[in-house]
PDB file of N, CA and C in Angstrom:
ATOM      1  N   MET A   1     -46.421  27.302 -11.986  1.00  0.00           N
ATOM      2  CA  MET A   1     -45.894  26.550 -13.053  1.00  0.00           C
ATOM      3  C   MET A   1     -46.616  25.210 -12.970  1.00  0.00           C
ATOM      4  N   PHE A   2     -46.485  24.542 -11.807  1.00  0.00           N
ATOM      5  CA  PHE A   2     -46.921  23.154 -11.706  1.00  0.00           C
ATOM      6  C   PHE A   2     -48.479  23.190 -11.714  1.00  0.00           C
ATOM      7  N   LYS A   3     -49.172  24.226 -11.510  1.00  0.00           N
ATOM      8  CA  LYS A   3     -50.677  24.219 -11.551  1.00  0.00           C
ATOM      9  C   LYS A   3     -51.199  24.131 -12.940  1.00  0.00           C
ATOM     10  N   ASN A   4     -50.362  24.498 -13.882  1.00  0.00           N
ATOM     11  CA  ASN A   4     -50.823  24.414 -15.258  1.00  0.00           C
ATOM     12  C   ASN A   4     -50.726  23.011 -15.851  1.00  0.00           C
ATOM     13  N   LEU A   5     -49.934  22.200 -15.207  1.00  0.00           N
ATOM     14  CA  LEU A   5     -49.784  20.843 -15.701  1.00  0.00           C
ATOM     15  C   LEU A   5     -50.970  19.923 -15.178  1.00  0.00           C
ATOM     16  N   ARG A   6     -51.133  18.817 -15.892  1.00  0.00           N
ATOM     17  CA  ARG A   6     -52.189  17.847 -15.526  1.00  0.00           C
ATOM     18  C   ARG A   6     -51.628  17.066 -14.281  1.00  0.00           C
ATOM     19  N   LEU A   7     -52.586  16.423 -13.658  1.00  0.00           N
ATOM     20  CA  LEU A   7     -52.267  15.657 -12.506  1.00  0.00           C
ATOM     21  C   LEU A   7     -51.194  14.543 -12.703  1.00  0.00           C
ATOM     22  N   TRP A   8     -51.390  13.807 -13.895  1.00  0.00           N
ATOM     23  CA  TRP A   8     -50.353  12.766 -14.195  1.00  0.00           C
ATOM     24  C   TRP A   8     -49.021  13.333 -14.398  1.00  0.00           C
ATOM     25  N   ALA A   9     -48.990  14.543 -15.065  1.00  0.00           N
ATOM     26  CA  ALA A   9     -47.734  15.198 -15.320  1.00  0.00           C
ATOM     27  C   ALA A   9     -47.013  15.644 -14.091  1.00  0.00           C
ATOM     28  N   ASN A  10     -47.796  16.073 -13.110  1.00  0.00           N
ATOM     29  CA  ASN A  10     -47.312  16.496 -11.733  1.00  0.00           C
ATOM     30  C   ASN A  10     -46.750  15.240 -10.982  1.00  0.00           C
ATOM     31  N   ILE A  11     -47.440  14.201 -11.110  1.00  0.00           N
ATOM     32  CA  ILE A  11     -46.949  12.923 -10.500  1.00  0.00           C
ATOM     33  C   ILE A  11     -45.689  12.434 -11.112  1.00  0.00           C
ATOM     34  N   MET A  12     -45.652  12.400 -12.450  1.00  0.00           N
ATOM     35  CA  MET A  12     -44.468  11.899 -13.224  1.00  0.00           C
ATOM     36  C   MET A  12     -43.283  12.751 -12.879  1.00  0.00           C
ATOM     37  N   LEU A  13     -43.539  14.106 -12.908  1.00  0.00           N
ATOM     38  CA  LEU A  13     -42.491  15.107 -12.594  1.00  0.00           C
ATOM     39  C   LEU A  13     -41.880  14.856 -11.168  1.00  0.00           C
ATOM     40  N   GLY A  14     -42.762  14.662 -10.204  1.00  0.00           N
ATOM     41  CA  GLY A  14     -42.363  14.474  -8.810  1.00  0.00           C
ATOM     42  C   GLY A  14     -41.524  13.142  -8.643  1.00  0.00           C
ATOM     43  N   MET A  15     -42.136  12.098  -9.340  1.00  0.00           N
ATOM     44  CA  MET A  15     -41.477  10.749  -9.301  1.00  0.00           C
ATOM     45  C   MET A  15     -40.019  10.863 -10.014  1.00  0.00           C
ATOM     46  N   GLY A  16     -40.007  11.562 -11.099  1.00  0.00           N
ATOM     47  CA  GLY A  16     -38.727  11.722 -11.765  1.00  0.00           C
ATOM     48  C   GLY A  16     -37.671  12.434 -10.967  1.00  0.00           C
ATOM     49  N   ILE A  17     -38.107  13.488 -10.287  1.00  0.00           N
ATOM     50  CA  ILE A  17     -37.182  14.211  -9.340  1.00  0.00           C
ATOM     51  C   ILE A  17     -36.765  13.404  -8.263  1.00  0.00           C
ATOM     52  N   ALA A  18     -37.700  12.563  -7.626  1.00  0.00           N
ATOM     53  CA  ALA A  18     -37.393  11.688  -6.542  1.00  0.00           C
ATOM     54  C   ALA A  18     -36.452  10.579  -7.052  1.00  0.00           C
ATOM     55  N   ILE A  19     -36.621  10.022  -8.185  1.00  0.00           N
ATOM     56  CA  ILE A  19     -35.777   8.967  -8.722  1.00  0.00           C
ATOM     57  C   ILE A  19     -34.326   9.546  -8.978  1.00  0.00           C
ATOM     58  N   THR A  20     -34.311  10.771  -9.524  1.00  0.00           N
ATOM     59  CA  THR A  20     -33.011  11.378  -9.778  1.00  0.00           C
ATOM     60  C   THR A  20     -32.306  11.641  -8.547  1.00  0.00           C
ATOM     61  N   LEU A  21     -33.008  12.086  -7.523  1.00  0.00           N
ATOM     62  CA  LEU A  21     -32.262  12.294  -6.196  1.00  0.00           C
ATOM     63  C   LEU A  21     -31.860  11.015  -5.607  1.00  0.00           C
ATOM     64  N   ALA A  22     -32.596  10.009  -5.705  1.00  0.00           N
ATOM     65  CA  ALA A  22     -32.125   8.670  -5.180  1.00  0.00           C
ATOM     66  C   ALA A  22     -31.010   8.125  -5.839  1.00  0.00           C
ATOM     67  N   VAL A  23     -31.018   8.222  -7.218  1.00  0.00           N
ATOM     68  CA  VAL A  23     -29.861   7.757  -8.006  1.00  0.00           C
ATOM     69  C   VAL A  23     -28.546   8.518  -7.605  1.00  0.00           C
ATOM     70  N   ALA A  24     -28.771   9.907  -7.515  1.00  0.00           N
ATOM     71  CA  ALA A  24     -27.600  10.768  -7.169  1.00  0.00           C
ATOM     72  C   ALA A  24     -27.088  10.299  -5.869  1.00  0.00           C
ATOM     73  N   ALA A  25     -27.968  10.095  -4.833  1.00  0.00           N
ATOM     74  CA  ALA A  25     -27.480   9.734  -3.456  1.00  0.00           C
ATOM     75  C   ALA A  25     -26.768   8.426  -3.428  1.00  0.00           C
ATOM     76  N   LEU A  26     -27.392   7.423  -4.153  1.00  0.00           N
ATOM     77  CA  LEU A  26     -26.773   6.130  -4.205  1.00  0.00           C
ATOM     78  C   LEU A  26     -25.359   6.157  -5.017  1.00  0.00           C
ATOM     79  N   THR A  27     -25.289   6.904  -6.082  1.00  0.00           N
ATOM     80  CA  THR A  27     -24.087   6.975  -6.805  1.00  0.00           C
ATOM     81  C   THR A  27     -22.990   7.579  -5.863  1.00  0.00           C
ATOM     82  N   TYR A  28     -23.314   8.698  -5.192  1.00  0.00           N
ATOM     83  CA  TYR A  28     -22.389   9.280  -4.301  1.00  0.00           C
ATOM     84  C   TYR A  28     -21.856   8.292  -3.199  1.00  0.00           C
ATOM     85  N   ASP A  29     -22.837   7.535  -2.630  1.00  0.00           N
ATOM     86  CA  ASP A  29     -22.547   6.618  -1.556  1.00  0.00           C
ATOM     87  C   ASP A  29     -21.662   5.470  -2.096  1.00  0.00           C
ATOM     88  N   ASN A  30     -21.956   4.894  -3.363  1.00  0.00           N
ATOM     89  CA  ASN A  30     -21.217   3.905  -3.923  1.00  0.00           C
ATOM     90  C   ASN A  30     -19.710   4.362  -4.144  1.00  0.00           C
ATOM     91  N   LEU A  31     -19.690   5.495  -4.823  1.00  0.00           N
ATOM     92  CA  LEU A  31     -18.407   6.155  -5.097  1.00  0.00           C
ATOM     93  C   LEU A  31     -17.497   6.315  -3.858  1.00  0.00           C
ATOM     94  N   HIS A  32     -18.168   6.813  -2.736  1.00  0.00           N
ATOM     95  CA  HIS A  32     -17.418   6.871  -1.495  1.00  0.00           C
ATOM     96  C   HIS A  32     -17.052   5.557  -0.945  1.00  0.00           C
ATOM     97  N   SER A  33     -17.816   4.570  -1.043  1.00  0.00           N
ATOM     98  CA  SER A  33     -17.513   3.208  -0.535  1.00  0.00           C
ATOM     99  C   SER A  33     -16.406   2.580  -1.385  1.00  0.00           C
ATOM    100  N   MET A  34     -16.447   2.791  -2.748  1.00  0.00           N
ATOM    101  CA  MET A  34     -15.443   2.278  -3.541  1.00  0.00           C
ATOM    102  C   MET A  34     -14.119   2.933  -3.210  1.00  0.00           C
ATOM    103  N   HIS A  35     -14.176   4.244  -2.969  1.00  0.00           N
ATOM    104  CA  HIS A  35     -12.858   4.895  -2.552  1.00  0.00           C
ATOM    105  C   HIS A  35     -12.341   4.349  -1.274  1.00  0.00           C
ATOM    106  N   GLN A  36     -13.113   4.010  -0.297  1.00  0.00           N
ATOM    107  CA  GLN A  36     -12.754   3.474   0.948  1.00  0.00           C
ATOM    108  C   GLN A  36     -12.148   2.041   0.666  1.00  0.00           C
ATOM    109  N   VAL A  37     -12.908   1.257  -0.112  1.00  0.00           N
ATOM    110  CA  VAL A  37     -12.376  -0.113  -0.365  1.00  0.00           C
ATOM    111  C   VAL A  37     -10.966  -0.076  -1.035  1.00  0.00           C
ATOM    112  N   ILE A  38     -10.833   0.858  -2.040  1.00  0.00           N
ATOM    113  CA  ILE A  38      -9.575   1.042  -2.763  1.00  0.00           C
ATOM    114  C   ILE A  38      -8.438   1.473  -1.787  1.00  0.00           C
ATOM    115  N   HIS A  39      -8.728   2.471  -0.941  1.00  0.00           N
ATOM    116  CA  HIS A  39      -7.789   2.912   0.155  1.00  0.00           C
ATOM    117  C   HIS A  39      -7.284   1.777   0.977  1.00  0.00           C
ATOM    118  N   ASP A  40      -8.297   0.979   1.407  1.00  0.00           N
ATOM    119  CA  ASP A  40      -8.022  -0.192   2.382  1.00  0.00           C
ATOM    120  C   ASP A  40      -7.091  -1.229   1.638  1.00  0.00           C
ATOM    121  N   ALA A  41      -7.424  -1.486   0.327  1.00  0.00           N
ATOM    122  CA  ALA A  41      -6.649  -2.506  -0.415  1.00  0.00           C
ATOM    123  C   ALA A  41      -5.273  -1.975  -0.674  1.00  0.00           C
ATOM    124  N   LYS A  42      -5.078  -0.769  -0.873  1.00  0.00           N
ATOM    125  CA  LYS A  42      -3.785  -0.234  -1.036  1.00  0.00           C
ATOM    126  C   LYS A  42      -3.000  -0.247   0.181  1.00  0.00           C
ATOM    127  N   ARG A  43      -3.608   0.055   1.319  1.00  0.00           N
ATOM    128  CA  ARG A  43      -2.965   0.050   2.565  1.00  0.00           C
ATOM    129  C   ARG A  43      -2.527  -1.376   2.887  1.00  0.00           C
ATOM    130  N   ALA A  44      -3.356  -2.361   2.667  1.00  0.00           N
ATOM    131  CA  ALA A  44      -2.969  -3.692   3.006  1.00  0.00           C
ATOM    132  C   ALA A  44      -1.849  -4.244   2.048  1.00  0.00           C
ATOM    133  N   GLU A  45      -1.856  -3.807   0.720  1.00  0.00           N
ATOM    134  CA  GLU A  45      -0.799  -4.129  -0.186  1.00  0.00           C
ATOM    135  C   GLU A  45       0.549  -3.590   0.269  1.00  0.00           C
ATOM    136  N   LEU A  46       0.521  -2.330   0.686  1.00  0.00           N
ATOM    137  CA  LEU A  46       1.680  -1.595   1.072  1.00  0.00           C
ATOM    138  C   LEU A  46       2.215  -2.234   2.446  1.00  0.00           C
ATOM    139  N   SER A  47       1.271  -2.602   3.238  1.00  0.00           N
ATOM    140  CA  SER A  47       1.752  -3.232   4.478  1.00  0.00           C
ATOM    141  C   SER A  47       2.441  -4.668   4.230  1.00  0.00           C
ATOM    142  N   GLN A  48       1.832  -5.311   3.291  1.00  0.00           N
ATOM    143  CA  GLN A  48       2.523  -6.706   2.904  1.00  0.00           C
ATOM    144  C   GLN A  48       3.836  -6.384   2.293  1.00  0.00           C
ATOM    145  N   TYR A  49       3.994  -5.336   1.362  1.00  0.00           N
ATOM    146  CA  TYR A  49       5.330  -5.040   0.874  1.00  0.00           C
ATOM    147  C   TYR A  49       6.288  -4.613   1.942  1.00  0.00           C
ATOM    148  N   ALA A  50       5.889  -3.939   2.869  1.00  0.00           N
ATOM    149  CA  ALA A  50       6.807  -3.449   3.995  1.00  0.00           C
ATOM    150  C   ALA A  50       7.309  -4.688   4.801  1.00  0.00           C
ATOM    151  N   GLU A  51       6.363  -5.625   5.022  1.00  0.00           N
ATOM    152  CA  GLU A  51       6.697  -6.783   5.758  1.00  0.00           C
ATOM    153  C   GLU A  51       7.748  -7.602   4.968  1.00  0.00           C
ATOM    154  N   THR A  52       7.488  -7.775   3.707  1.00  0.00           N
ATOM    155  CA  THR A  52       8.367  -8.558   2.831  1.00  0.00           C
ATOM    156  C   THR A  52       9.759  -7.860   2.821  1.00  0.00           C
ATOM    157  N   ILE A  53       9.848  -6.559   2.779  1.00  0.00           N
ATOM    158  CA  ILE A  53      11.139  -5.840   2.813  1.00  0.00           C
ATOM    159  C   ILE A  53      11.879  -6.038   4.077  1.00  0.00           C
ATOM    160  N   LEU A  54      11.127  -5.987   5.192  1.00  0.00           N
ATOM    161  CA  LEU A  54      11.662  -6.275   6.546  1.00  0.00           C
ATOM    162  C   LEU A  54      12.303  -7.658   6.664  1.00  0.00           C
ATOM    163  N   VAL A  55      11.557  -8.557   6.071  1.00  0.00           N
ATOM    164  CA  VAL A  55      12.035 -10.051   6.122  1.00  0.00           C
ATOM    165  C   VAL A  55      13.267 -10.075   5.334  1.00  0.00           C
ATOM    166  N   ASN A  56      13.325  -9.567   4.187  1.00  0.00           N
ATOM    167  CA  ASN A  56      14.488  -9.687   3.319  1.00  0.00           C
ATOM    168  C   ASN A  56      15.724  -8.844   3.931  1.00  0.00           C
ATOM    169  N   VAL A  57      15.518  -7.739   4.589  1.00  0.00           N
ATOM    170  CA  VAL A  57      16.601  -7.031   5.204  1.00  0.00           C
ATOM    171  C   VAL A  57      17.024  -7.966   6.380  1.00  0.00           C
ATOM    172  N   ALA A  58      16.162  -8.542   7.191  1.00  0.00           N
ATOM    173  CA  ALA A  58      16.703  -9.451   8.162  1.00  0.00           C
ATOM    174  C   ALA A  58      17.448 -10.684   7.647  1.00  0.00           C
ATOM    175  N   ALA A  59      17.035 -11.144   6.657  1.00  0.00           N
ATOM    176  CA  ALA A  59      17.785 -12.270   5.906  1.00  0.00           C
ATOM    177  C   ALA A  59      19.170 -11.863   5.402  1.00  0.00           C
ATOM    178  N   GLU A  60      19.245 -10.627   4.842  1.00  0.00           N
ATOM    179  CA  GLU A  60      20.521 -10.097   4.373  1.00  0.00           C
ATOM    180  C   GLU A  60      21.417  -9.786   5.647  1.00  0.00           C
ATOM    181  N   THR A  61      20.923  -9.408   6.716  1.00  0.00           N
ATOM    182  CA  THR A  61      21.582  -9.104   7.861  1.00  0.00           C
ATOM    183  C   THR A  61      22.224 -10.340   8.431  1.00  0.00           C
ATOM    184  N   ARG A  62      21.410 -11.441   8.455  1.00  0.00           N
ATOM    185  CA  ARG A  62      21.964 -12.714   8.898  1.00  0.00           C
ATOM    186  C   ARG A  62      23.152 -13.188   8.065  1.00  0.00           C
ATOM    187  N   LEU A  63      22.986 -13.050   6.787  1.00  0.00           N
ATOM    188  CA  LEU A  63      23.958 -13.414   5.697  1.00  0.00           C
ATOM    189  C   LEU A  63      25.222 -12.615   5.941  1.00  0.00           C
ATOM    190  N   ALA A  64      25.134 -11.364   6.164  1.00  0.00           N
ATOM    191  CA  ALA A  64      26.319 -10.480   6.285  1.00  0.00           C
ATOM    192  C   ALA A  64      27.085 -10.888   7.604  1.00  0.00           C
ATOM    193  N   ARG A  65      26.251 -11.218   8.687  1.00  0.00           N
ATOM    194  CA  ARG A  65      26.879 -11.543   9.981  1.00  0.00           C
ATOM    195  C   ARG A  65      27.657 -12.916   9.754  1.00  0.00           C
ATOM    196  N   ALA A  66      26.995 -13.798   9.049  1.00  0.00           N
ATOM    197  CA  ALA A  66      27.770 -15.128   8.776  1.00  0.00           C
ATOM    198  C   ALA A  66      28.926 -14.958   7.939  1.00  0.00           C
ATOM    199  N   LEU A  67      28.816 -14.178   6.867  1.00  0.00           N
ATOM    200  CA  LEU A  67      30.012 -13.906   6.069  1.00  0.00           C
ATOM    201  C   LEU A  67      31.148 -13.206   6.791  1.00  0.00           C
ATOM    202  N   SER A  68      30.823 -12.245   7.661  1.00  0.00           N
ATOM    203  CA  SER A  68      31.811 -11.471   8.321  1.00  0.00           C
ATOM    204  C   SER A  68      32.538 -12.416   9.305  1.00  0.00           C
ATOM    205  N   ALA A  69      31.794 -13.312   9.927  1.00  0.00           N
ATOM    206  CA  ALA A  69      32.329 -14.275  10.905  1.00  0.00           C
ATOM    207  C   ALA A  69      33.301 -15.240  10.159  1.00  0.00           C
ATOM    208  N   LEU A  70      32.777 -15.623   8.983  1.00  0.00           N
ATOM    209  CA  LEU A  70      33.614 -16.451   8.113  1.00  0.00           C
ATOM    210  C   LEU A  70      34.963 -15.846   7.699  1.00  0.00           C
ATOM    211  N   VAL A  71      34.840 -14.691   7.252  1.00  0.00           N
ATOM    212  CA  VAL A  71      36.087 -13.972   6.879  1.00  0.00           C
ATOM    213  C   VAL A  71      36.953 -13.599   8.070  1.00  0.00           C
ATOM    214  N   ALA A  72      36.421 -13.349   9.195  1.00  0.00           N
ATOM    215  CA  ALA A  72      37.172 -13.051  10.416  1.00  0.00           C
ATOM    216  C   ALA A  72      37.929 -14.176  10.930  1.00  0.00           C
ATOM    217  N   ASN A  73      37.591 -15.478  10.641  1.00  0.00           N
ATOM    218  CA  ASN A  73      38.205 -16.684  11.071  1.00  0.00           C
ATOM    219  C   ASN A  73      39.209 -17.163  10.140  1.00  0.00           C
ATOM    220  N   ILE A  74      39.447 -16.501   9.099  1.00  0.00           N
ATOM    221  CA  ILE A  74      40.480 -16.879   8.114  1.00  0.00           C
ATOM    222  C   ILE A  74      41.834 -16.452   8.702  1.00  0.00           C
ATOM    223  N   PRO A  75      42.805 -17.387   8.794  1.00  0.00           N
ATOM    224  CA  PRO A  75      44.104 -16.981   9.411  1.00  0.00           C
ATOM    225  C   PRO A  75      44.810 -15.877   8.673  1.00  0.00           C
ATOM    226  N   ASP A  76      44.878 -15.876   7.397  1.00  0.00           N
ATOM    227  CA  ASP A  76      45.515 -14.804   6.655  1.00  0.00           C
ATOM    228  C   ASP A  76      44.876 -13.352   6.909  1.00  0.00           C
ATOM    229  N   VAL A  77      43.592 -13.382   6.991  1.00  0.00           N
ATOM    230  CA  VAL A  77      42.927 -12.163   7.290  1.00  0.00           C
ATOM    231  C   VAL A  77      43.256 -11.668   8.621  1.00  0.00           C
ATOM    232  N   GLN A  78      43.325 -12.613   9.749  1.00  0.00           N
ATOM    233  CA  GLN A  78      43.611 -12.268  11.046  1.00  0.00           C
ATOM    234  C   GLN A  78      45.043 -11.703  11.140  1.00  0.00           C
ATOM    235  N   ALA A  79      45.948 -12.332  10.318  1.00  0.00           N
ATOM    236  CA  ALA A  79      47.382 -11.933  10.309  1.00  0.00           C
ATOM    237  C   ALA A  79      47.464 -10.412   9.716  1.00  0.00           C
ATOM    238  N   HIS A  80      46.796 -10.197   8.682  1.00  0.00           N
ATOM    239  CA  HIS A  80      46.906  -8.873   8.089  1.00  0.00           C
ATOM    240  C   HIS A  80      46.155  -7.832   8.888  1.00  0.00           C
ATOM    241  N   PHE A  81      45.107  -8.171   9.587  1.00  0.00           N
ATOM    242  CA  PHE A  81      44.446  -7.243  10.489  1.00  0.00           C
ATOM    243  C   PHE A  81      45.276  -7.005  11.735  1.00  0.00           C
ATOM    244  N   ALA A  82      45.996  -7.946  12.192  1.00  0.00           N
ATOM    245  CA  ALA A  82      46.822  -7.771  13.384  1.00  0.00           C
ATOM    246  C   ALA A  82      48.004  -6.854  13.042  1.00  0.00           C
ATOM    247  N   THR A  83      48.548  -6.889  11.928  1.00  0.00           N
ATOM    248  CA  THR A  83      49.569  -6.017  11.488  1.00  0.00           C
ATOM    249  C   THR A  83      49.206  -4.648  11.055  1.00  0.00           C
ATOM    250  N   GLY A  84      47.847  -4.510  10.743  1.00  0.00           N
ATOM    251  CA  GLY A  84      47.361  -3.291  10.294  1.00  0.00           C
ATOM    252  C   GLY A  84      47.526  -3.015   8.832  1.00  0.00           C
ATOM    253  N   ASP A  85      47.687  -4.025   8.096  1.00  0.00           N
ATOM    254  CA  ASP A  85      48.055  -3.878   6.591  1.00  0.00           C
ATOM    255  C   ASP A  85      46.763  -3.677   5.846  1.00  0.00           C
ATOM    256  N   ARG A  86      46.277  -2.472   5.729  1.00  0.00           N
ATOM    257  CA  ARG A  86      45.023  -2.176   5.087  1.00  0.00           C
ATOM    258  C   ARG A  86      44.964  -2.425   3.461  1.00  0.00           C
ATOM    259  N   SER A  87      46.134  -2.315   2.960  1.00  0.00           N
ATOM    260  CA  SER A  87      46.245  -2.476   1.472  1.00  0.00           C
ATOM    261  C   SER A  87      45.928  -3.909   1.010  1.00  0.00           C
ATOM    262  N   SER A  88      46.173  -4.825   1.880  1.00  0.00           N
ATOM    263  CA  SER A  88      45.932  -6.222   1.555  1.00  0.00           C
ATOM    264  C   SER A  88      44.448  -6.604   1.787  1.00  0.00           C
ATOM    265  N   TRP A  89      43.724  -5.803   2.441  1.00  0.00           N
ATOM    266  CA  TRP A  89      42.288  -6.120   2.693  1.00  0.00           C
ATOM    267  C   TRP A  89      41.435  -5.986   1.371  1.00  0.00           C
ATOM    268  N   LEU A  90      41.893  -5.220   0.453  1.00  0.00           N
ATOM    269  CA  LEU A  90      41.003  -5.062  -0.743  1.00  0.00           C
ATOM    270  C   LEU A  90      41.411  -6.185  -1.697  1.00  0.00           C
TER     271      LEU A  90
END
């Protein structure tokens, strides 16, 4: 098949195939690299969200401890707790 073509046609066909293979290889590599970059960005963002959630949970824990200590030091609450009067707790 290639013997029937002229020399310049064989050269152009070979270069066309080589360029097509190079473009295909570079496209595959770029898509793979973009996938990796996107994966890393998602992981970093999720890690940041997880850290923010942990900080917020710690802050709420401190607030809950402070409020429980405040309520536990109220004399009326201590009296109702000592008598076991659960209906007045609500």
